[in-house]
Amino acid sequence: MKRPLFILGTRPEAIKLAPLILEFKKRCLSPFIISTGQHRELLPKAFSTFSIKVDLDLKLMNDNQDPIDFLKKTQDALFKLVKDIPTSYLIVHGDTASTLAAAKVAHQFDLPLGHVEAGVRSHNLDEPWPEEGFRREITTLATHHFTPTTTTLNNLLEEQVVAKNILLCGNTIVDAIEFLPKSEHKKRETKILLSIHRRENILNFSKKMRSLLTHVMETFSEFEFIAIQHPNPDARALLDSISDRPNLRLVSPMDYPEVIELLRTCALVLSDSGGFQEEAAVLETPVVVLRAFTDRPESIGQGAFLAGRDKDVCVEAMHQALAYSFSSGAPYGKPGASKKITDFVEAFLRTKK
């Protein structure tokens, strides 16, 4: 029997694909899940929140491996593997090396490819690098484009993607958060969640980011900054270099429900993570984005503030964010994206019988 195939490698992919995998299972579509091991330790923990286990873990990632080297290694491994797996449809998410490798393999075997979170763009190939280039290439290889917002939809249409192959469905991150137990804790605490991992920040602008982070911690000394350590050793080194700050607390990677609870109760998020920008919007927590270009413009002005890398701009953005009051709105959609995607794939597969 041919089975739908999910290929993924990172924690964010696991979290955002989990509700879709659960919906496939609910409808007895028997998805087969392959992990490339790009996030060796974090991905299984993320899936455990949703009681999902991968069918095959390739464990391809080595310490300090270059993303382009990992891309080639993963593509070669998947090519040898996928040709022997009877599959009817391949699903990927986002813009990682694992995603692009799987998309290339789908093209090589002429497999229908569904791309979840299609159309996200910063319109700058250098930020984020290499993800902006990866996702543009994935778009050229995908059969179907499951796009979260009208902004991402318009990006795809501007790139001449055929409209009938696009599904505007919302963001599956909303489904993932909806899956978790509801918290009764509504009080905002004097904590700021800090997350920094983008290559352009930790490599090209590390000195500038150290200065910025030190400055904001001094300016907002009444707040405790909680920094979640990232598996990237360069990201860890940046935070370690400022670990003597009295109001900075470094913590190991958390399980997903713990992260969401922290996001729900902190006063502010200070981050260069697109995922945190989305999750903060869903939870109505203000976020200051430490990037010169954002690929999630939908929430800018709706609780998200773009600060770039200028410390004075960042301080002003943090003051604005702390004073911000959320009104009704859902920039990344409402629950139900996973059901819409499953409906679409089911209908497509029926035409192929």
Protein backbone atom coordinates (compact mmCIF):
# COMPACT_ATOMS: atom_id res chain seq x y z
CA MET A 1 0.00 0.00 0.00
CA LYS A 2 1.28 3.44 -0.90
CA ARG A 3 1.51 5.76 2.10
CA PRO A 4 1.86 9.53 2.42
CA LEU A 5 5.44 10.35 3.34
CA PHE A 6 6.52 13.10 5.75
CA ILE A 7 10.21 14.08 5.70
CA LEU A 8 11.50 16.50 8.32
CA GLY A 9 14.56 17.22 10.41
CA THR A 10 14.16 20.06 12.89
CA ARG A 11 12.17 20.80 16.01
CA PRO A 12 10.06 23.57 14.38
CA GLU A 13 9.15 21.22 11.53
CA ALA A 14 8.11 18.55 14.02
CA ILE A 15 5.93 20.97 16.00
CA LYS A 16 4.24 22.46 12.95
CA LEU A 17 3.73 19.13 11.17
CA ALA A 18 2.56 17.25 14.29
CA PRO A 19 -1.10 18.36 14.11
CA LEU A 20 -1.15 17.52 10.39
CA ILE A 21 0.32 14.07 11.03
CA LEU A 22 -2.30 13.51 13.75
CA GLU A 23 -5.05 14.49 11.31
CA PHE A 24 -3.68 12.05 8.73
CA LYS A 25 -3.64 9.31 11.37
CA LYS A 26 -7.18 10.20 12.44
CA ARG A 27 -8.35 9.60 8.87
CA CYS A 28 -6.41 6.32 8.58
CA LEU A 29 -4.07 7.69 5.92
CA SER A 30 -1.12 5.84 7.55
CA PRO A 31 1.61 8.48 7.18
CA PHE A 32 5.22 7.27 7.10
CA ILE A 33 7.56 9.66 8.93
CA ILE A 34 11.27 10.06 8.21
CA SER A 35 13.56 12.23 10.32
CA THR A 36 16.87 13.32 8.85
CA GLY A 37 18.17 14.02 12.36
CA GLN A 38 19.02 17.67 11.62
CA HIS A 39 18.02 18.43 15.23
CA ARG A 40 19.17 15.16 16.73
CA GLU A 41 18.01 15.63 20.31
CA LEU A 42 15.26 18.23 20.03
CA LEU A 43 13.04 16.62 17.39
CA PRO A 44 12.11 13.43 19.32
CA LYS A 45 11.25 15.53 22.38
CA ALA A 46 9.04 17.78 20.27
CA PHE A 47 7.19 14.82 18.78
CA SER A 48 6.75 13.21 22.21
CA THR A 49 4.47 16.11 23.20
CA PHE A 50 2.07 14.91 20.50
CA SER A 51 2.66 11.16 21.11
CA ILE A 52 4.19 10.75 17.66
CA LYS A 53 7.14 8.53 16.81
CA VAL A 54 9.15 8.62 13.62
CA ASP A 55 9.24 5.48 11.51
CA LEU A 56 12.83 6.01 10.43
CA ASP A 57 15.54 8.25 11.92
CA LEU A 58 18.49 8.73 9.56
CA LYS A 59 20.64 10.54 12.17
CA LEU A 60 22.57 12.40 9.50
CA MET A 61 23.66 15.51 11.40
CA ASN A 62 27.20 15.78 12.74
CA ASP A 63 28.52 18.44 15.11
CA ASN A 64 29.24 21.81 13.46
CA GLN A 65 28.13 20.55 10.05
CA ASP A 66 27.78 23.18 7.34
CA PRO A 67 24.15 23.50 6.10
CA ILE A 68 25.18 23.10 2.45
CA ASP A 69 27.17 19.96 3.24
CA PHE A 70 24.22 18.61 5.21
CA LEU A 71 21.91 19.37 2.28
CA LYS A 72 23.99 17.26 -0.11
CA LYS A 73 24.43 14.45 2.41
CA THR A 74 20.69 14.37 3.11
CA GLN A 75 19.70 14.43 -0.54
CA ASP A 76 22.00 11.50 -1.30
CA ALA A 77 20.64 9.49 1.64
CA LEU A 78 17.00 10.21 0.78
CA PHE A 79 17.51 9.35 -2.88
CA LYS A 80 18.72 5.85 -1.95
CA LEU A 81 15.88 5.43 0.53
CA VAL A 82 12.78 6.90 -1.11
CA LYS A 83 13.04 4.82 -4.28
CA ASP A 84 12.24 1.74 -2.19
CA ILE A 85 9.36 3.25 -0.20
CA PRO A 86 5.93 2.95 -1.84
CA THR A 87 4.52 6.44 -1.41
CA SER A 88 1.63 8.37 -2.91
CA TYR A 89 2.50 11.87 -1.75
CA LEU A 90 5.41 13.64 -0.01
CA ILE A 91 4.93 16.44 2.52
CA VAL A 92 7.55 18.88 3.76
CA HIS A 93 7.51 22.03 5.84
CA GLY A 94 9.27 25.36 5.73
CA ASP A 95 12.77 26.13 4.54
CA THR A 96 15.38 23.87 6.14
CA ALA A 97 18.12 21.85 4.49
CA SER A 98 16.07 18.72 5.22
CA THR A 99 13.07 20.25 3.45
CA LEU A 100 14.99 21.25 0.32
CA ALA A 101 16.73 17.86 0.13
CA ALA A 102 13.35 16.09 0.31
CA ALA A 103 11.89 18.44 -2.31
CA LYS A 104 14.75 17.67 -4.69
CA VAL A 105 14.23 13.94 -4.19
CA ALA A 106 10.48 14.29 -4.82
CA HIS A 107 11.33 16.01 -8.11
CA GLN A 108 13.82 13.30 -9.05
CA PHE A 109 11.16 10.60 -8.59
CA ASP A 110 8.27 12.68 -9.97
CA LEU A 111 6.40 12.44 -6.64
CA PRO A 112 3.63 14.91 -5.83
CA LEU A 113 5.04 17.31 -3.24
CA GLY A 114 3.02 19.33 -0.74
CA HIS A 115 4.84 22.26 0.87
CA VAL A 116 3.46 23.44 4.22
CA GLU A 117 4.08 27.12 5.08
CA ALA A 118 4.73 27.99 1.46
CA GLY A 119 5.28 31.56 0.32
CA VAL A 120 7.08 32.92 3.38
CA ARG A 121 9.57 35.53 2.14
CA SER A 122 11.91 38.18 3.52
CA HIS A 123 12.75 39.29 -0.06
CA ASN A 124 16.42 39.34 0.91
CA LEU A 125 18.61 36.36 0.04
CA ASP A 126 21.12 37.24 2.78
CA GLU A 127 18.59 37.35 5.64
CA PRO A 128 17.80 34.68 6.52
CA TRP A 129 20.62 32.76 4.86
CA PRO A 130 20.38 30.12 3.52
CA GLU A 131 16.67 29.70 4.24
CA GLU A 132 15.39 32.43 1.90
CA GLY A 133 17.10 30.79 -1.04
CA PHE A 134 16.02 27.33 0.07
CA ARG A 135 12.33 28.19 0.24
CA ARG A 136 12.34 29.94 -3.14
CA GLU A 137 13.79 26.81 -4.70
CA ILE A 138 11.31 24.57 -2.86
CA THR A 139 8.49 26.61 -4.38
CA THR A 140 9.73 25.77 -7.89
CA LEU A 141 9.68 22.05 -7.02
CA ALA A 142 6.38 21.80 -5.11
CA THR A 143 3.17 20.46 -6.62
CA HIS A 144 0.94 22.04 -3.99
CA HIS A 145 1.56 25.09 -1.83
CA PHE A 146 -0.14 25.23 1.58
CA THR A 147 0.19 28.89 2.44
CA PRO A 148 -0.64 30.47 5.81
CA THR A 149 -1.66 34.10 5.09
CA THR A 150 -2.80 36.43 2.34
CA THR A 151 0.69 37.94 2.35
CA THR A 152 2.33 34.59 1.62
CA LEU A 153 -0.39 33.84 -0.94
CA ASN A 154 0.41 37.05 -2.79
CA ASN A 155 4.13 36.21 -2.69
CA LEU A 156 3.41 32.95 -4.49
CA LEU A 157 1.14 34.59 -7.06
CA GLU A 158 3.79 37.21 -7.78
CA GLU A 159 6.21 34.34 -8.48
CA GLN A 160 3.76 32.97 -11.06
CA VAL A 161 2.65 29.94 -9.03
CA VAL A 162 -0.61 28.60 -10.51
CA ALA A 163 -3.48 29.65 -8.27
CA LYS A 164 -5.28 26.27 -8.34
CA ASN A 165 -2.20 24.67 -6.78
CA ILE A 166 -2.27 27.01 -3.76
CA LEU A 167 -4.34 26.45 -0.63
CA LEU A 168 -4.74 29.39 1.75
CA CYS A 169 -5.15 27.48 5.00
CA GLY A 170 -3.71 29.37 7.98
CA ASN A 171 -0.68 28.32 10.00
CA THR A 172 -0.45 24.88 11.58
CA ILE A 173 1.33 26.44 14.58
CA VAL A 174 -2.13 27.57 15.72
CA ASP A 175 -3.26 23.92 15.70
CA ALA A 176 -0.13 22.88 17.61
CA ILE A 177 -0.77 25.42 20.37
CA GLU A 178 -4.47 24.50 20.41
CA PHE A 179 -3.46 20.87 21.03
CA LEU A 180 -1.75 21.69 24.33
CA PRO A 181 -3.61 21.78 27.66
CA LYS A 182 -5.05 25.21 28.38
CA SER A 183 -3.26 27.22 31.04
CA GLU A 184 -5.12 29.15 33.71
CA HIS A 185 -2.08 31.35 34.34
CA LYS A 186 -2.88 34.74 32.80
CA LYS A 187 -0.68 37.11 34.80
CA ARG A 188 2.23 38.66 32.95
CA GLU A 189 5.45 38.32 34.91
CA THR A 190 8.52 40.56 34.99
CA LYS A 191 10.36 38.23 32.64
CA ILE A 192 11.59 38.71 29.09
CA LEU A 193 12.11 35.65 26.93
CA LEU A 194 15.33 36.01 24.92
CA SER A 195 16.17 33.84 21.92
CA ILE A 196 18.91 34.46 19.39
CA HIS A 197 20.21 31.99 16.82
CA ARG A 198 20.11 33.48 13.31
CA ARG A 199 23.43 32.98 11.51
CA GLU A 200 23.58 36.59 10.40
CA ASN A 201 23.29 37.72 14.04
CA ILE A 202 25.62 35.24 15.71
CA LEU A 203 28.30 35.27 13.01
CA ASN A 204 28.22 38.46 10.93
CA PHE A 205 27.03 40.79 13.70
CA SER A 206 28.01 39.02 16.91
CA LYS A 207 29.89 42.01 18.38
CA LYS A 208 26.97 44.33 17.64
CA MET A 209 24.50 41.87 19.15
CA ARG A 210 26.56 41.52 22.35
CA SER A 211 26.53 45.30 22.72
CA LEU A 212 22.79 45.48 22.05
CA LEU A 213 21.89 42.73 24.51
CA THR A 214 24.10 44.17 27.25
CA HIS A 215 22.54 47.59 26.73
CA VAL A 216 18.93 46.40 26.92
CA MET A 217 19.63 44.34 30.03
CA GLU A 218 21.06 47.41 31.72
CA THR A 219 18.16 49.57 30.54
CA PHE A 220 15.50 47.08 31.64
CA SER A 221 17.26 45.98 34.80
CA GLU A 222 13.96 45.36 36.60
CA PHE A 223 13.28 42.42 34.26
CA GLU A 224 14.79 38.96 34.33
CA PHE A 225 15.93 37.89 30.86
CA ILE A 226 15.47 34.16 30.31
CA ALA A 227 17.56 32.91 27.40
CA ILE A 228 16.88 29.47 25.97
CA GLN A 229 20.12 27.95 24.74
CA HIS A 230 20.13 26.90 21.08
CA PRO A 231 21.89 23.76 19.83
CA ASN A 232 24.02 25.90 17.50
CA PRO A 233 27.42 26.27 19.28
CA ASP A 234 27.91 29.81 17.90
CA ALA A 235 24.56 30.85 19.36
CA ARG A 236 25.54 29.35 22.70
CA ALA A 237 28.90 31.13 22.59
CA LEU A 238 27.23 34.51 22.07
CA LEU A 239 25.03 34.06 25.13
CA ASP A 240 27.91 32.64 27.18
CA SER A 241 29.88 35.81 26.45
CA ILE A 242 27.30 37.91 28.31
CA SER A 243 26.39 35.34 30.96
CA ASP A 244 27.82 37.53 33.73
CA ARG A 245 24.85 39.90 33.48
CA PRO A 246 23.01 39.75 36.83
CA ASN A 247 19.53 39.69 35.28
CA LEU A 248 20.28 37.04 32.63
CA ARG A 249 19.38 33.41 33.21
CA LEU A 250 20.50 30.80 30.70
CA VAL A 251 18.30 27.71 30.48
CA SER A 252 18.62 24.46 28.56
CA PRO A 253 16.17 23.71 25.72
CA MET A 254 12.69 23.21 27.13
CA ASP A 255 9.91 20.84 26.21
CA TYR A 256 7.35 22.51 23.96
CA PRO A 257 4.60 22.92 26.58
CA GLU A 258 7.12 24.67 28.86
CA VAL A 259 8.13 27.04 26.07
CA ILE A 260 4.50 27.91 25.37
CA GLU A 261 3.82 28.50 29.07
CA LEU A 262 6.81 30.85 29.26
CA LEU A 263 5.63 32.64 26.12
CA ARG A 264 2.16 32.92 27.62
CA THR A 265 3.33 34.48 30.89
CA CYS A 266 6.37 36.60 30.03
CA ALA A 267 6.06 40.35 29.58
CA LEU A 268 7.86 40.41 26.26
CA VAL A 269 9.76 38.27 23.76
CA LEU A 270 13.09 39.53 22.39
CA SER A 271 14.06 37.25 19.51
CA ASP A 272 15.28 36.75 15.97
CA SER A 273 13.09 33.63 15.60
CA GLY A 274 10.28 33.60 13.06
CA GLY A 275 8.62 30.79 14.99
CA PHE A 276 8.53 32.80 18.21
CA GLN A 277 7.09 35.72 16.27
CA GLU A 278 4.20 33.51 15.18
CA GLU A 279 3.66 31.86 18.57
CA ALA A 280 3.77 35.20 20.38
CA ALA A 281 1.06 36.53 18.06
CA VAL A 282 -1.16 33.51 18.75
CA LEU A 283 -0.68 33.94 22.52
CA GLU A 284 -0.99 37.76 22.38
CA THR A 285 2.47 38.34 23.82
CA PRO A 286 4.39 41.33 22.42
CA VAL A 287 7.62 40.57 20.58
CA VAL A 288 10.59 42.67 19.49
CA VAL A 289 12.21 41.18 16.38
CA LEU A 290 16.02 41.35 16.28
CA ARG A 291 16.30 41.23 12.50
CA ALA A 292 16.85 43.80 9.78
CA PHE A 293 14.28 42.02 7.58
CA THR A 294 11.34 39.94 8.73
CA ASP A 295 9.72 37.11 6.80
CA ARG A 296 6.63 37.37 9.02
CA PRO A 297 5.37 40.91 8.30
CA GLU A 298 1.76 39.99 9.15
CA SER A 299 2.19 40.67 12.88
CA ILE A 300 4.32 43.83 12.58
CA GLY A 301 2.17 46.55 14.12
CA GLN A 302 -0.02 43.90 15.77
CA GLY A 303 2.15 43.23 18.79
CA ALA A 304 5.42 42.70 16.89
CA PHE A 305 8.04 45.44 16.51
CA LEU A 306 10.98 45.28 14.11
CA ALA A 307 14.15 46.55 15.82
CA GLY A 308 16.99 45.44 13.56
CA ARG A 309 20.34 45.56 15.38
CA ASP A 310 20.38 49.15 16.62
CA LYS A 311 20.36 49.24 20.43
CA ASP A 312 18.52 52.56 20.68
CA VAL A 313 15.87 51.42 18.21
CA CYS A 314 15.58 48.20 20.18
CA VAL A 315 15.05 50.03 23.49
CA GLU A 316 12.32 52.19 21.94
CA ALA A 317 10.68 49.12 20.39
CA MET A 318 10.73 47.36 23.77
CA HIS A 319 9.02 50.33 25.44
CA GLN A 320 6.36 50.30 22.72
CA ALA A 321 5.90 46.55 23.01
CA LEU A 322 5.53 46.64 26.80
CA ALA A 323 2.83 49.30 26.44
CA TYR A 324 1.00 47.53 23.62
CA SER A 325 -2.59 46.34 24.09
CA PHE A 326 -3.83 43.56 21.82
CA SER A 327 -7.15 43.89 20.03
CA SER A 328 -9.01 41.16 18.19
CA GLY A 329 -7.16 39.70 15.26
CA ALA A 330 -5.39 36.55 14.16
CA PRO A 331 -2.52 37.40 11.78
CA TYR A 332 -1.60 33.72 11.39
CA GLY A 333 -5.11 32.36 11.14
CA LYS A 334 -7.38 30.32 13.38
CA PRO A 335 -7.31 26.62 14.26
CA GLY A 336 -8.10 24.27 11.39
CA ALA A 337 -5.15 24.53 8.99
CA SER A 338 -4.31 20.84 9.41
CA LYS A 339 -7.86 19.77 8.53
CA LYS A 340 -7.89 21.98 5.42
CA ILE A 341 -4.57 20.55 4.20
CA THR A 342 -5.73 16.97 4.84
CA ASP A 343 -8.98 17.61 2.97
CA PHE A 344 -6.96 18.93 0.02
CA VAL A 345 -4.51 16.01 -0.05
CA GLU A 346 -7.31 13.44 0.35
CA ALA A 347 -9.20 14.96 -2.57
CA PHE A 348 -6.05 14.96 -4.70
CA LEU A 349 -5.24 11.34 -3.91
CA ARG A 350 -8.78 10.28 -4.85
CA THR A 351 -8.19 11.67 -8.36
CA LYS A 352 -5.07 9.48 -8.67
CA LYS A 353 -6.78 6.18 -7.91
